Amino acid sequence: MIDKIPTYIDMFVNFMNAGGVVMWVLFGLNLLLWYGLGYRYLVLKRGTLGNIRRQIDKHIKRNGKQRMRGLLDYAIADALDATREAGALGLKVKDYIYDALFPYMRLIKKYSTLVKTIVILAPLIGLLGTVMGMIETFDALTSGSMFSQGASISGGISKALFTTELGLVVAVPGLILGKILDKKEDRFALEFEQIADTLSAKEDRHEI
C-alpha cells in the first residue's frame, strides 16, 4: 500500500495540472475552507445540556467549581465573575457582563466571513477556469494544433470542465456545513443575551 503512494500522488498532480493553475487555486481555497469549518465546529461545541437558567444556577451553587465542558460554561463563569465584580464596585452590571462576553461573541464569529467568501468564490473561479480552458481549446482548433496532436474536441472540453466540477465540489459541502454552523452561532448569540439578562436580574434581587 505504501509503495503505491507515489503513484497516487502522480495521479493527483496530473489531474490538477489537467485543469491548469485554477485547479491549484481551488485546491488552496478548499484547504482554507475546511480549516475554517473545522475551527468553527470545535469552537461552537455547546458542551452542556439544559437551559441557561439551570446552568447559571449550577455555577452559582458550586461557586467556581463547576466542571467546564464547553464554550457556554466558560462564558457563564466569566460573566458571573464580572457580575460579582460590578456588584462589589457598585457599577452597572449589564455593561460589565457584556464586556466579559465580548471575546466569546467574537470567537463564535471567527472565520464565518472566510467560509462564506470561499463558498461564493469557488464556483466563480471554477467557471473562470472553464472559460479559460474553452478559449485554449478553440484557439487550438483554429490553429489546427489539436487535430495535429490527435486530440479530440470533447477531450479538450472535458479538461476545461474540471475546474467547474472542482469549484462545485468545494462550494456545496461548505454551503451546507456553513449553514449548520451559522445556526449554532445564532443560538450562542441568543444564549449570551440570556446570560446577561439572567445574571443582571439575579444581581438586582441580590441572589448572587
N, C-alpha and C. Protein backbone atom coordinates (compact mmCIF):
# COMPACT_ATOMS: atom_id res chain seq x y z
N MET A 1 0.83 -1.21 0.00
CA MET A 1 0.00 0.00 0.00
C MET A 1 0.87 1.26 0.00
N ILE A 2 1.92 1.24 0.84
CA ILE A 2 2.81 2.40 0.92
C ILE A 2 3.53 2.62 -0.41
N ASP A 3 3.84 1.50 -1.09
CA ASP A 3 4.56 1.61 -2.37
C ASP A 3 3.73 2.34 -3.43
N LYS A 4 2.40 2.32 -3.27
CA LYS A 4 1.53 2.94 -4.26
C LYS A 4 1.31 4.43 -4.02
N ILE A 5 1.79 4.94 -2.88
CA ILE A 5 1.57 6.36 -2.56
C ILE A 5 2.15 7.29 -3.63
N PRO A 6 3.40 7.07 -4.09
CA PRO A 6 3.91 7.95 -5.16
C PRO A 6 3.04 7.92 -6.42
N THR A 7 2.48 6.74 -6.72
CA THR A 7 1.60 6.63 -7.89
C THR A 7 0.35 7.47 -7.72
N TYR A 8 -0.24 7.40 -6.52
CA TYR A 8 -1.44 8.19 -6.24
C TYR A 8 -1.13 9.69 -6.29
N ILE A 9 0.04 10.06 -5.79
CA ILE A 9 0.43 11.47 -5.83
C ILE A 9 0.58 11.94 -7.27
N ASP A 10 1.20 11.10 -8.11
CA ASP A 10 1.36 11.45 -9.52
C ASP A 10 0.01 11.58 -10.22
N MET A 11 -0.92 10.68 -9.89
CA MET A 11 -2.27 10.76 -10.47
C MET A 11 -2.96 12.06 -10.06
N PHE A 12 -2.81 12.42 -8.78
CA PHE A 12 -3.43 13.64 -8.28
C PHE A 12 -2.83 14.87 -8.97
N VAL A 13 -1.51 14.91 -9.08
CA VAL A 13 -0.84 16.05 -9.72
C VAL A 13 -1.24 16.16 -11.18
N ASN A 14 -1.33 15.03 -11.87
CA ASN A 14 -1.73 15.04 -13.28
C ASN A 14 -3.16 15.54 -13.44
N PHE A 15 -4.03 15.11 -12.52
CA PHE A 15 -5.42 15.56 -12.56
C PHE A 15 -5.51 17.07 -12.35
N MET A 16 -4.75 17.58 -11.38
CA MET A 16 -4.77 19.01 -11.10
C MET A 16 -4.18 19.80 -12.26
N ASN A 17 -3.09 19.30 -12.83
CA ASN A 17 -2.46 20.01 -13.94
C ASN A 17 -3.34 20.02 -15.19
N ALA A 18 -4.22 19.01 -15.30
CA ALA A 18 -5.10 18.95 -16.47
C ALA A 18 -6.03 20.14 -16.53
N GLY A 19 -6.39 20.67 -15.36
CA GLY A 19 -7.28 21.83 -15.33
C GLY A 19 -6.56 23.16 -15.28
N GLY A 20 -5.24 23.13 -15.22
CA GLY A 20 -4.48 24.37 -15.21
C GLY A 20 -4.30 24.94 -13.81
N VAL A 21 -3.79 26.16 -13.76
CA VAL A 21 -3.45 26.80 -12.48
C VAL A 21 -4.69 27.05 -11.62
N VAL A 22 -5.85 27.20 -12.26
CA VAL A 22 -7.08 27.44 -11.49
C VAL A 22 -7.40 26.28 -10.57
N MET A 23 -7.05 25.06 -10.99
CA MET A 23 -7.29 23.89 -10.14
C MET A 23 -6.51 24.00 -8.83
N TRP A 24 -5.28 24.48 -8.92
CA TRP A 24 -4.47 24.62 -7.71
C TRP A 24 -5.00 25.74 -6.82
N VAL A 25 -5.52 26.79 -7.44
CA VAL A 25 -6.15 27.86 -6.65
C VAL A 25 -7.35 27.32 -5.89
N LEU A 26 -8.17 26.52 -6.57
CA LEU A 26 -9.34 25.92 -5.92
C LEU A 26 -8.94 24.94 -4.83
N PHE A 27 -7.86 24.23 -5.05
CA PHE A 27 -7.37 23.30 -4.03
C PHE A 27 -6.95 24.07 -2.77
N GLY A 28 -6.25 25.19 -2.97
CA GLY A 28 -5.87 26.02 -1.84
C GLY A 28 -7.07 26.58 -1.10
N LEU A 29 -8.07 27.03 -1.86
CA LEU A 29 -9.31 27.53 -1.23
C LEU A 29 -10.02 26.43 -0.46
N ASN A 30 -9.96 25.21 -0.99
CA ASN A 30 -10.59 24.08 -0.30
C ASN A 30 -9.93 23.82 1.05
N LEU A 31 -8.60 23.90 1.09
CA LEU A 31 -7.89 23.72 2.36
C LEU A 31 -8.28 24.81 3.36
N LEU A 32 -8.34 26.06 2.89
CA LEU A 32 -8.74 27.16 3.77
C LEU A 32 -10.17 26.98 4.27
N LEU A 33 -11.04 26.53 3.37
CA LEU A 33 -12.45 26.33 3.74
C LEU A 33 -12.58 25.31 4.86
N TRP A 34 -11.92 24.17 4.71
CA TRP A 34 -12.06 23.12 5.72
C TRP A 34 -11.35 23.47 7.01
N TYR A 35 -10.32 24.29 6.92
CA TYR A 35 -9.70 24.79 8.16
C TYR A 35 -10.70 25.67 8.91
N GLY A 36 -11.35 26.58 8.18
CA GLY A 36 -12.35 27.45 8.81
C GLY A 36 -13.52 26.68 9.37
N LEU A 37 -14.01 25.69 8.61
CA LEU A 37 -15.14 24.88 9.08
C LEU A 37 -14.75 24.06 10.31
N GLY A 38 -13.56 23.48 10.28
CA GLY A 38 -13.11 22.68 11.42
C GLY A 38 -12.95 23.53 12.67
N TYR A 39 -12.39 24.71 12.51
CA TYR A 39 -12.22 25.62 13.65
C TYR A 39 -13.57 25.99 14.24
N ARG A 40 -14.51 26.36 13.37
CA ARG A 40 -15.84 26.76 13.85
C ARG A 40 -16.57 25.59 14.51
N TYR A 41 -16.39 24.40 13.97
CA TYR A 41 -17.04 23.23 14.57
C TYR A 41 -16.54 22.99 16.00
N LEU A 42 -15.23 23.11 16.19
CA LEU A 42 -14.66 22.88 17.52
C LEU A 42 -15.06 23.98 18.49
N VAL A 43 -15.08 25.22 18.02
CA VAL A 43 -15.43 26.35 18.89
C VAL A 43 -16.90 26.32 19.29
N LEU A 44 -17.76 25.96 18.35
CA LEU A 44 -19.20 26.06 18.57
C LEU A 44 -19.79 24.82 19.25
N LYS A 45 -18.96 24.09 19.97
CA LYS A 45 -19.48 22.99 20.78
C LYS A 45 -20.07 23.55 22.06
N ARG A 46 -21.34 23.29 22.28
CA ARG A 46 -22.02 23.85 23.45
C ARG A 46 -21.47 23.23 24.73
N GLY A 47 -21.29 21.91 24.71
CA GLY A 47 -20.66 21.24 25.85
C GLY A 47 -21.60 20.83 26.96
N THR A 48 -22.72 21.52 27.13
CA THR A 48 -23.64 21.22 28.21
C THR A 48 -25.07 21.16 27.69
N LEU A 49 -25.89 20.42 28.41
CA LEU A 49 -27.31 20.34 28.09
C LEU A 49 -28.10 21.19 29.09
N GLY A 50 -29.35 21.42 28.79
CA GLY A 50 -30.18 22.18 29.71
C GLY A 50 -30.23 23.65 29.36
N ASN A 51 -31.19 24.35 29.97
CA ASN A 51 -31.37 25.77 29.65
C ASN A 51 -30.37 26.64 30.41
N ILE A 52 -30.34 27.90 30.03
CA ILE A 52 -29.35 28.83 30.58
C ILE A 52 -29.54 29.04 32.08
N ARG A 53 -30.77 29.22 32.52
CA ARG A 53 -31.01 29.48 33.94
C ARG A 53 -30.48 28.33 34.81
N ARG A 54 -30.71 27.11 34.35
CA ARG A 54 -30.24 25.96 35.12
C ARG A 54 -28.72 25.92 35.18
N GLN A 55 -28.07 26.23 34.06
CA GLN A 55 -26.61 26.24 34.05
C GLN A 55 -26.05 27.33 34.94
N ILE A 56 -26.68 28.49 34.93
CA ILE A 56 -26.23 29.59 35.79
C ILE A 56 -26.39 29.21 37.26
N ASP A 57 -27.52 28.61 37.60
CA ASP A 57 -27.75 28.19 38.99
C ASP A 57 -26.71 27.18 39.45
N LYS A 58 -26.30 26.28 38.54
CA LYS A 58 -25.26 25.30 38.88
C LYS A 58 -23.94 26.00 39.19
N HIS A 59 -23.60 26.99 38.36
CA HIS A 59 -22.35 27.72 38.57
C HIS A 59 -22.38 28.49 39.89
N ILE A 60 -23.51 29.10 40.20
CA ILE A 60 -23.63 29.85 41.45
C ILE A 60 -23.54 28.91 42.65
N LYS A 61 -24.23 27.79 42.56
CA LYS A 61 -24.26 26.83 43.66
C LYS A 61 -22.88 26.23 43.93
N ARG A 62 -22.14 25.94 42.86
CA ARG A 62 -20.83 25.29 43.02
C ARG A 62 -19.70 26.29 43.19
N ASN A 63 -20.01 27.57 43.05
CA ASN A 63 -19.07 28.65 43.38
C ASN A 63 -17.70 28.48 42.72
N GLY A 64 -17.72 28.37 41.39
CA GLY A 64 -16.47 28.30 40.65
C GLY A 64 -15.88 26.92 40.51
N LYS A 65 -16.54 25.91 41.05
CA LYS A 65 -16.04 24.54 40.97
C LYS A 65 -16.79 23.72 39.92
N GLN A 66 -17.58 24.40 39.10
CA GLN A 66 -18.31 23.73 38.04
C GLN A 66 -17.35 23.19 36.99
N ARG A 67 -17.58 21.97 36.56
CA ARG A 67 -16.74 21.38 35.52
C ARG A 67 -17.01 22.06 34.19
N MET A 68 -15.95 22.50 33.51
CA MET A 68 -16.09 23.20 32.24
C MET A 68 -16.14 22.18 31.10
N ARG A 69 -17.27 22.15 30.41
CA ARG A 69 -17.45 21.16 29.35
C ARG A 69 -17.51 21.78 27.95
N GLY A 70 -17.58 23.08 27.88
CA GLY A 70 -17.67 23.70 26.57
C GLY A 70 -17.67 25.21 26.67
N LEU A 71 -17.88 25.85 25.53
CA LEU A 71 -17.82 27.30 25.45
C LEU A 71 -18.83 27.97 26.37
N LEU A 72 -20.01 27.39 26.48
CA LEU A 72 -21.06 28.01 27.29
C LEU A 72 -20.67 28.07 28.76
N ASP A 73 -20.04 27.02 29.27
CA ASP A 73 -19.61 27.02 30.67
C ASP A 73 -18.59 28.12 30.94
N TYR A 74 -17.63 28.27 30.03
CA TYR A 74 -16.62 29.32 30.20
C TYR A 74 -17.26 30.71 30.15
N ALA A 75 -18.22 30.89 29.25
CA ALA A 75 -18.89 32.18 29.13
C ALA A 75 -19.67 32.51 30.40
N ILE A 76 -20.38 31.52 30.94
CA ILE A 76 -21.15 31.74 32.17
C ILE A 76 -20.22 32.07 33.33
N ALA A 77 -19.11 31.34 33.44
CA ALA A 77 -18.17 31.57 34.53
C ALA A 77 -17.59 32.99 34.48
N ASP A 78 -17.19 33.43 33.29
CA ASP A 78 -16.63 34.78 33.16
C ASP A 78 -17.69 35.85 33.41
N ALA A 79 -18.90 35.61 32.92
CA ALA A 79 -19.99 36.57 33.14
C ALA A 79 -20.35 36.65 34.62
N LEU A 80 -20.31 35.52 35.31
CA LEU A 80 -20.62 35.50 36.74
C LEU A 80 -19.55 36.26 37.53
N ASP A 81 -18.29 36.08 37.17
CA ASP A 81 -17.22 36.84 37.82
C ASP A 81 -17.39 38.34 37.58
N ALA A 82 -17.76 38.70 36.35
CA ALA A 82 -17.97 40.11 36.03
C ALA A 82 -19.15 40.69 36.82
N THR A 83 -20.19 39.88 37.01
CA THR A 83 -21.35 40.33 37.78
C THR A 83 -20.97 40.62 39.22
N ARG A 84 -20.22 39.72 39.82
CA ARG A 84 -19.79 39.92 41.21
C ARG A 84 -18.86 41.13 41.34
N GLU A 85 -17.98 41.29 40.37
CA GLU A 85 -17.05 42.43 40.42
C GLU A 85 -17.80 43.75 40.27
N ALA A 86 -18.75 43.79 39.33
CA ALA A 86 -19.53 45.02 39.14
C ALA A 86 -20.37 45.33 40.37
N GLY A 87 -20.95 44.28 40.98
CA GLY A 87 -21.75 44.49 42.18
C GLY A 87 -20.92 45.02 43.33
N ALA A 88 -19.70 44.52 43.46
CA ALA A 88 -18.83 44.97 44.55
C ALA A 88 -18.39 46.42 44.36
N LEU A 89 -18.25 46.83 43.09
CA LEU A 89 -17.81 48.19 42.80
C LEU A 89 -18.98 49.17 42.66
N GLY A 90 -20.19 48.64 42.67
CA GLY A 90 -21.36 49.49 42.53
C GLY A 90 -21.55 50.03 41.13
N LEU A 91 -21.08 49.29 40.12
CA LEU A 91 -21.19 49.73 38.73
C LEU A 91 -22.35 49.03 38.04
N LYS A 92 -22.64 49.47 36.81
CA LYS A 92 -23.74 48.89 36.05
C LYS A 92 -23.38 47.46 35.65
N VAL A 93 -24.16 46.52 36.13
CA VAL A 93 -23.81 45.10 35.99
C VAL A 93 -23.85 44.65 34.54
N LYS A 94 -24.87 45.04 33.81
CA LYS A 94 -25.06 44.51 32.46
C LYS A 94 -23.91 44.90 31.54
N ASP A 95 -23.40 46.12 31.70
CA ASP A 95 -22.26 46.54 30.87
C ASP A 95 -21.04 45.68 31.15
N TYR A 96 -20.81 45.37 32.42
CA TYR A 96 -19.68 44.52 32.80
C TYR A 96 -19.84 43.12 32.21
N ILE A 97 -21.06 42.62 32.23
CA ILE A 97 -21.32 41.28 31.69
C ILE A 97 -21.05 41.25 30.18
N TYR A 98 -21.52 42.28 29.48
CA TYR A 98 -21.29 42.33 28.03
C TYR A 98 -19.80 42.43 27.71
N ASP A 99 -19.06 43.17 28.54
CA ASP A 99 -17.61 43.25 28.34
C ASP A 99 -16.96 41.88 28.51
N ALA A 100 -17.46 41.11 29.49
CA ALA A 100 -16.91 39.77 29.73
C ALA A 100 -17.27 38.81 28.60
N LEU A 101 -18.45 39.00 28.01
CA LEU A 101 -18.91 38.10 26.95
C LEU A 101 -18.41 38.50 25.56
N PHE A 102 -17.89 39.71 25.44
CA PHE A 102 -17.48 40.19 24.12
C PHE A 102 -16.45 39.29 23.43
N PRO A 103 -15.41 38.80 24.14
CA PRO A 103 -14.47 37.88 23.46
C PRO A 103 -15.14 36.62 22.93
N TYR A 104 -16.15 36.14 23.64
CA TYR A 104 -16.87 34.94 23.18
C TYR A 104 -17.73 35.26 21.96
N MET A 105 -18.30 36.46 21.94
CA MET A 105 -19.08 36.87 20.77
C MET A 105 -18.20 36.97 19.53
N ARG A 106 -16.98 37.45 19.72
CA ARG A 106 -16.04 37.50 18.59
C ARG A 106 -15.61 36.09 18.18
N LEU A 107 -15.42 35.24 19.17
CA LEU A 107 -14.94 33.88 18.91
C LEU A 107 -15.91 33.08 18.06
N ILE A 108 -17.21 33.20 18.35
CA ILE A 108 -18.19 32.40 17.60
C ILE A 108 -18.36 32.89 16.16
N LYS A 109 -17.89 34.11 15.87
CA LYS A 109 -17.99 34.64 14.52
C LYS A 109 -16.72 34.42 13.70
N LYS A 110 -15.68 33.94 14.36
CA LYS A 110 -14.38 33.82 13.69
C LYS A 110 -14.46 32.85 12.51
N TYR A 111 -13.90 33.26 11.40
CA TYR A 111 -13.84 32.51 10.13
C TYR A 111 -15.19 32.35 9.45
N SER A 112 -16.24 32.96 10.00
CA SER A 112 -17.54 32.89 9.34
C SER A 112 -17.50 33.59 7.98
N THR A 113 -16.88 34.77 7.95
CA THR A 113 -16.77 35.51 6.69
C THR A 113 -15.89 34.77 5.69
N LEU A 114 -14.82 34.15 6.17
CA LEU A 114 -13.94 33.38 5.29
C LEU A 114 -14.70 32.25 4.61
N VAL A 115 -15.48 31.50 5.39
CA VAL A 115 -16.24 30.37 4.85
C VAL A 115 -17.24 30.86 3.80
N LYS A 116 -17.98 31.92 4.12
CA LYS A 116 -18.98 32.43 3.18
C LYS A 116 -18.34 32.95 1.90
N THR A 117 -17.18 33.60 2.04
CA THR A 117 -16.49 34.14 0.87
C THR A 117 -16.02 33.03 -0.06
N ILE A 118 -15.44 31.97 0.51
CA ILE A 118 -14.95 30.86 -0.31
C ILE A 118 -16.11 30.14 -1.00
N VAL A 119 -17.22 29.98 -0.29
CA VAL A 119 -18.39 29.32 -0.88
C VAL A 119 -18.89 30.09 -2.10
N ILE A 120 -18.82 31.41 -2.04
CA ILE A 120 -19.25 32.24 -3.18
C ILE A 120 -18.20 32.23 -4.29
N LEU A 121 -16.93 32.31 -3.91
CA LEU A 121 -15.86 32.45 -4.90
C LEU A 121 -15.57 31.16 -5.67
N ALA A 122 -15.66 30.01 -4.98
CA ALA A 122 -15.22 28.75 -5.59
C ALA A 122 -15.92 28.45 -6.92
N PRO A 123 -17.26 28.52 -7.01
CA PRO A 123 -17.89 28.24 -8.31
C PRO A 123 -17.51 29.26 -9.38
N LEU A 124 -17.33 30.52 -8.97
CA LEU A 124 -16.97 31.56 -9.94
C LEU A 124 -15.57 31.34 -10.48
N ILE A 125 -14.64 30.97 -9.59
CA ILE A 125 -13.28 30.68 -10.04
C ILE A 125 -13.27 29.43 -10.92
N GLY A 126 -14.09 28.44 -10.54
CA GLY A 126 -14.21 27.24 -11.38
C GLY A 126 -14.73 27.58 -12.77
N LEU A 127 -15.72 28.46 -12.82
CA LEU A 127 -16.26 28.89 -14.12
C LEU A 127 -15.22 29.65 -14.93
N LEU A 128 -14.43 30.47 -14.24
CA LEU A 128 -13.35 31.19 -14.92
C LEU A 128 -12.36 30.21 -15.54
N GLY A 129 -12.01 29.17 -14.79
CA GLY A 129 -11.10 28.16 -15.33
C GLY A 129 -11.67 27.46 -16.54
N THR A 130 -12.98 27.20 -16.51
CA THR A 130 -13.63 26.56 -17.66
C THR A 130 -13.59 27.46 -18.88
N VAL A 131 -13.88 28.74 -18.68
CA VAL A 131 -13.83 29.70 -19.80
C VAL A 131 -12.42 29.77 -20.38
N MET A 132 -11.42 29.81 -19.50
CA MET A 132 -10.03 29.84 -19.98
C MET A 132 -9.70 28.57 -20.75
N GLY A 133 -10.18 27.42 -20.25
CA GLY A 133 -9.93 26.16 -20.94
C GLY A 133 -10.61 26.09 -22.29
N MET A 134 -11.84 26.62 -22.37
CA MET A 134 -12.56 26.63 -23.65
C MET A 134 -11.87 27.53 -24.66
N ILE A 135 -11.36 28.66 -24.18
CA ILE A 135 -10.64 29.57 -25.09
C ILE A 135 -9.41 28.88 -25.65
N GLU A 136 -8.67 28.18 -24.78
CA GLU A 136 -7.48 27.46 -25.25
C GLU A 136 -7.86 26.36 -26.24
N THR A 137 -8.99 25.69 -25.97
CA THR A 137 -9.44 24.62 -26.87
C THR A 137 -9.77 25.16 -28.26
N PHE A 138 -10.52 26.25 -28.29
CA PHE A 138 -10.91 26.82 -29.59
C PHE A 138 -9.72 27.46 -30.31
N ASP A 139 -8.77 28.00 -29.52
CA ASP A 139 -7.55 28.52 -30.15
C ASP A 139 -6.78 27.38 -30.83
N ALA A 140 -6.74 26.23 -30.13
CA ALA A 140 -6.04 25.08 -30.71
C ALA A 140 -6.76 24.58 -31.96
N LEU A 141 -8.10 24.65 -31.95
CA LEU A 141 -8.86 24.25 -33.14
C LEU A 141 -8.58 25.19 -34.31
N THR A 142 -8.50 26.47 -33.98
CA THR A 142 -8.27 27.46 -35.03
C THR A 142 -6.91 27.27 -35.69
N SER A 143 -5.92 26.99 -34.86
CA SER A 143 -4.56 26.81 -35.40
C SER A 143 -4.35 25.42 -35.98
N GLY A 144 -5.28 24.50 -35.68
CA GLY A 144 -5.15 23.14 -36.20
C GLY A 144 -4.24 22.26 -35.38
N SER A 145 -3.68 22.80 -34.28
CA SER A 145 -2.73 22.02 -33.48
C SER A 145 -3.41 20.87 -32.76
N MET A 146 -4.68 21.05 -32.41
CA MET A 146 -5.38 19.99 -31.69
C MET A 146 -5.53 18.75 -32.57
N PHE A 147 -5.85 18.98 -33.85
CA PHE A 147 -6.00 17.85 -34.75
C PHE A 147 -4.65 17.22 -35.06
N SER A 148 -3.62 18.05 -35.16
CA SER A 148 -2.30 17.52 -35.48
C SER A 148 -1.76 16.65 -34.35
N GLN A 149 -2.20 16.93 -33.12
CA GLN A 149 -1.76 16.13 -31.98
C GLN A 149 -2.67 14.94 -31.74
N GLY A 150 -3.68 14.79 -32.52
CA GLY A 150 -4.58 13.66 -32.38
C GLY A 150 -5.58 13.80 -31.26
N ALA A 151 -5.72 14.98 -30.72
CA ALA A 151 -6.67 15.18 -29.62
C ALA A 151 -8.05 15.45 -30.19
N SER A 152 -9.06 15.27 -29.38
CA SER A 152 -10.43 15.50 -29.81
C SER A 152 -11.00 16.73 -29.15
N ILE A 153 -12.06 17.27 -29.77
CA ILE A 153 -12.72 18.43 -29.19
C ILE A 153 -13.32 18.08 -27.83
N SER A 154 -13.93 16.91 -27.76
CA SER A 154 -14.56 16.51 -26.49
C SER A 154 -13.54 16.37 -25.38
N GLY A 155 -12.34 15.91 -25.72
CA GLY A 155 -11.30 15.79 -24.70
C GLY A 155 -10.88 17.14 -24.17
N GLY A 156 -10.76 18.11 -25.06
CA GLY A 156 -10.39 19.46 -24.63
C GLY A 156 -11.45 20.09 -23.76
N ILE A 157 -12.72 19.92 -24.15
CA ILE A 157 -13.82 20.48 -23.36
C ILE A 157 -13.91 19.78 -22.01
N SER A 158 -13.68 18.47 -22.00
CA SER A 158 -13.71 17.71 -20.75
C SER A 158 -12.70 18.26 -19.75
N LYS A 159 -11.49 18.53 -20.22
CA LYS A 159 -10.47 19.09 -19.34
C LYS A 159 -10.87 20.48 -18.85
N ALA A 160 -11.51 21.24 -19.74
CA ALA A 160 -11.92 22.59 -19.37
C ALA A 160 -12.97 22.58 -18.27
N LEU A 161 -13.79 21.53 -18.23
CA LEU A 161 -14.86 21.44 -17.24
C LEU A 161 -14.39 20.95 -15.88
N PHE A 162 -13.13 20.50 -15.78
CA PHE A 162 -12.61 20.04 -14.49
C PHE A 162 -12.73 21.13 -13.42
N THR A 163 -12.44 22.36 -13.81
CA THR A 163 -12.42 23.44 -12.81
C THR A 163 -13.82 23.75 -12.29
N THR A 164 -14.82 23.71 -13.18
CA THR A 164 -16.20 23.91 -12.71
C THR A 164 -16.61 22.82 -11.75
N GLU A 165 -16.24 21.59 -12.08
CA GLU A 165 -16.55 20.46 -11.21
C GLU A 165 -15.92 20.65 -9.83
N LEU A 166 -14.64 20.99 -9.81
CA LEU A 166 -13.96 21.15 -8.53
C LEU A 166 -14.52 22.34 -7.76
N GLY A 167 -14.88 23.41 -8.47
CA GLY A 167 -15.47 24.57 -7.80
C GLY A 167 -16.76 24.21 -7.07
N LEU A 168 -17.58 23.38 -7.70
CA LEU A 168 -18.83 22.94 -7.06
C LEU A 168 -18.55 21.98 -5.91
N VAL A 169 -17.55 21.11 -6.09
CA VAL A 169 -17.17 20.18 -5.01
C VAL A 169 -16.71 20.95 -3.78
N VAL A 170 -16.03 22.06 -3.99
CA VAL A 170 -15.58 22.89 -2.87
C VAL A 170 -16.76 23.62 -2.23
N ALA A 171 -17.64 24.19 -3.06
CA ALA A 171 -18.67 25.10 -2.56
C ALA A 171 -19.84 24.40 -1.88
N VAL A 172 -20.31 23.29 -2.44
CA VAL A 172 -21.55 22.67 -1.93
C VAL A 172 -21.42 22.18 -0.49
N PRO A 173 -20.39 21.38 -0.14
CA PRO A 173 -20.25 20.99 1.27
C PRO A 173 -20.05 22.19 2.19
N GLY A 174 -19.28 23.18 1.71
CA GLY A 174 -19.06 24.38 2.51
C GLY A 174 -20.34 25.13 2.78
N LEU A 175 -21.22 25.18 1.77
CA LEU A 175 -22.51 25.86 1.94
C LEU A 175 -23.38 25.15 2.97
N ILE A 176 -23.46 23.83 2.87
CA ILE A 176 -24.32 23.06 3.79
C ILE A 176 -23.80 23.13 5.22
N LEU A 177 -22.51 22.81 5.40
CA LEU A 177 -21.94 22.83 6.75
C LEU A 177 -21.88 24.24 7.32
N GLY A 178 -21.64 25.22 6.44
CA GLY A 178 -21.61 26.61 6.90
C GLY A 178 -22.94 27.05 7.46
N LYS A 179 -24.04 26.64 6.81
CA LYS A 179 -25.38 26.99 7.29
C LYS A 179 -25.65 26.35 8.65
N ILE A 180 -25.23 25.10 8.81
CA ILE A 180 -25.43 24.41 10.09
C ILE A 180 -24.68 25.13 11.21
N LEU A 181 -23.44 25.51 10.92
CA LEU A 181 -22.62 26.19 11.93
C LEU A 181 -23.14 27.61 12.20
N ASP A 182 -23.70 28.25 11.18
CA ASP A 182 -24.28 29.59 11.38
C ASP A 182 -25.47 29.52 12.34
N LYS A 183 -26.25 28.44 12.25
CA LYS A 183 -27.38 28.28 13.18
C LYS A 183 -26.88 28.10 14.61
N LYS A 184 -25.78 27.36 14.77
CA LYS A 184 -25.19 27.22 16.10
C LYS A 184 -24.69 28.56 16.62
N GLU A 185 -24.09 29.35 15.73
CA GLU A 185 -23.61 30.67 16.12
C GLU A 185 -24.77 31.55 16.59
N ASP A 186 -25.88 31.52 15.85
CA ASP A 186 -27.05 32.31 16.24
C ASP A 186 -27.59 31.87 17.60
N ARG A 187 -27.55 30.57 17.84
CA ARG A 187 -28.03 30.06 19.13
C ARG A 187 -27.14 30.55 20.27
N PHE A 188 -25.83 30.53 20.05
CA PHE A 188 -24.91 31.03 21.07
C PHE A 188 -25.14 32.52 21.34
N ALA A 189 -25.33 33.30 20.28
CA ALA A 189 -25.56 34.73 20.45
C ALA A 189 -26.81 34.98 21.29
N LEU A 190 -27.86 34.20 21.04
CA LEU A 190 -29.08 34.32 21.83
C LEU A 190 -28.84 33.92 23.28
N GLU A 191 -28.07 32.86 23.48
CA GLU A 191 -27.80 32.40 24.84
C GLU A 191 -26.93 33.39 25.61
N PHE A 192 -26.02 34.07 24.92
CA PHE A 192 -25.23 35.10 25.59
C PHE A 192 -26.12 36.24 26.08
N GLU A 193 -27.12 36.59 25.27
CA GLU A 193 -28.08 37.61 25.70
C GLU A 193 -28.85 37.13 26.93
N GLN A 194 -29.22 35.86 26.94
CA GLN A 194 -29.94 35.30 28.08
C GLN A 194 -29.06 35.29 29.34
N ILE A 195 -27.78 35.01 29.16
CA ILE A 195 -26.86 35.04 30.30
C ILE A 195 -26.82 36.44 30.91
N ALA A 196 -26.68 37.45 30.05
CA ALA A 196 -26.61 38.83 30.54
C ALA A 196 -27.90 39.23 31.25
N ASP A 197 -29.04 38.90 30.67
CA ASP A 197 -30.33 39.26 31.27
C ASP A 197 -30.54 38.54 32.60
N THR A 198 -30.23 37.24 32.63
CA THR A 198 -30.46 36.44 33.83
C THR A 198 -29.56 36.89 34.98
N LEU A 199 -28.29 37.11 34.70
CA LEU A 199 -27.36 37.50 35.76
C LEU A 199 -27.65 38.90 36.29
N SER A 200 -28.00 39.81 35.39
CA SER A 200 -28.32 41.17 35.86
C SER A 200 -29.58 41.16 36.72
N ALA A 201 -30.56 40.31 36.35
CA ALA A 201 -31.78 40.21 37.15
C ALA A 201 -31.48 39.59 38.52
N LYS A 202 -30.62 38.58 38.55
CA LYS A 202 -30.25 37.96 39.82
C LYS A 202 -29.49 38.93 40.71
N GLU A 203 -28.64 39.75 40.11
CA GLU A 203 -27.89 40.73 40.89
C GLU A 203 -28.84 41.78 41.48
N ASP A 204 -29.84 42.18 40.71
CA ASP A 204 -30.82 43.14 41.23
C ASP A 204 -31.59 42.57 42.42
N ARG A 205 -31.80 41.25 42.40
CA ARG A 205 -32.52 40.60 43.51
C ARG A 205 -31.57 40.12 44.60
N HIS A 206 -30.28 40.43 44.44
CA HIS A 206 -29.24 40.05 45.41
C HIS A 206 -29.18 38.53 45.61
N GLU A 207 -29.28 37.80 44.51
CA GLU A 207 -29.21 36.35 44.56
C GLU A 207 -27.81 35.83 44.26
N ILE A 208 -26.89 36.74 43.97
CA ILE A 208 -25.51 36.33 43.66
C ILE A 208 -24.59 36.79 44.78
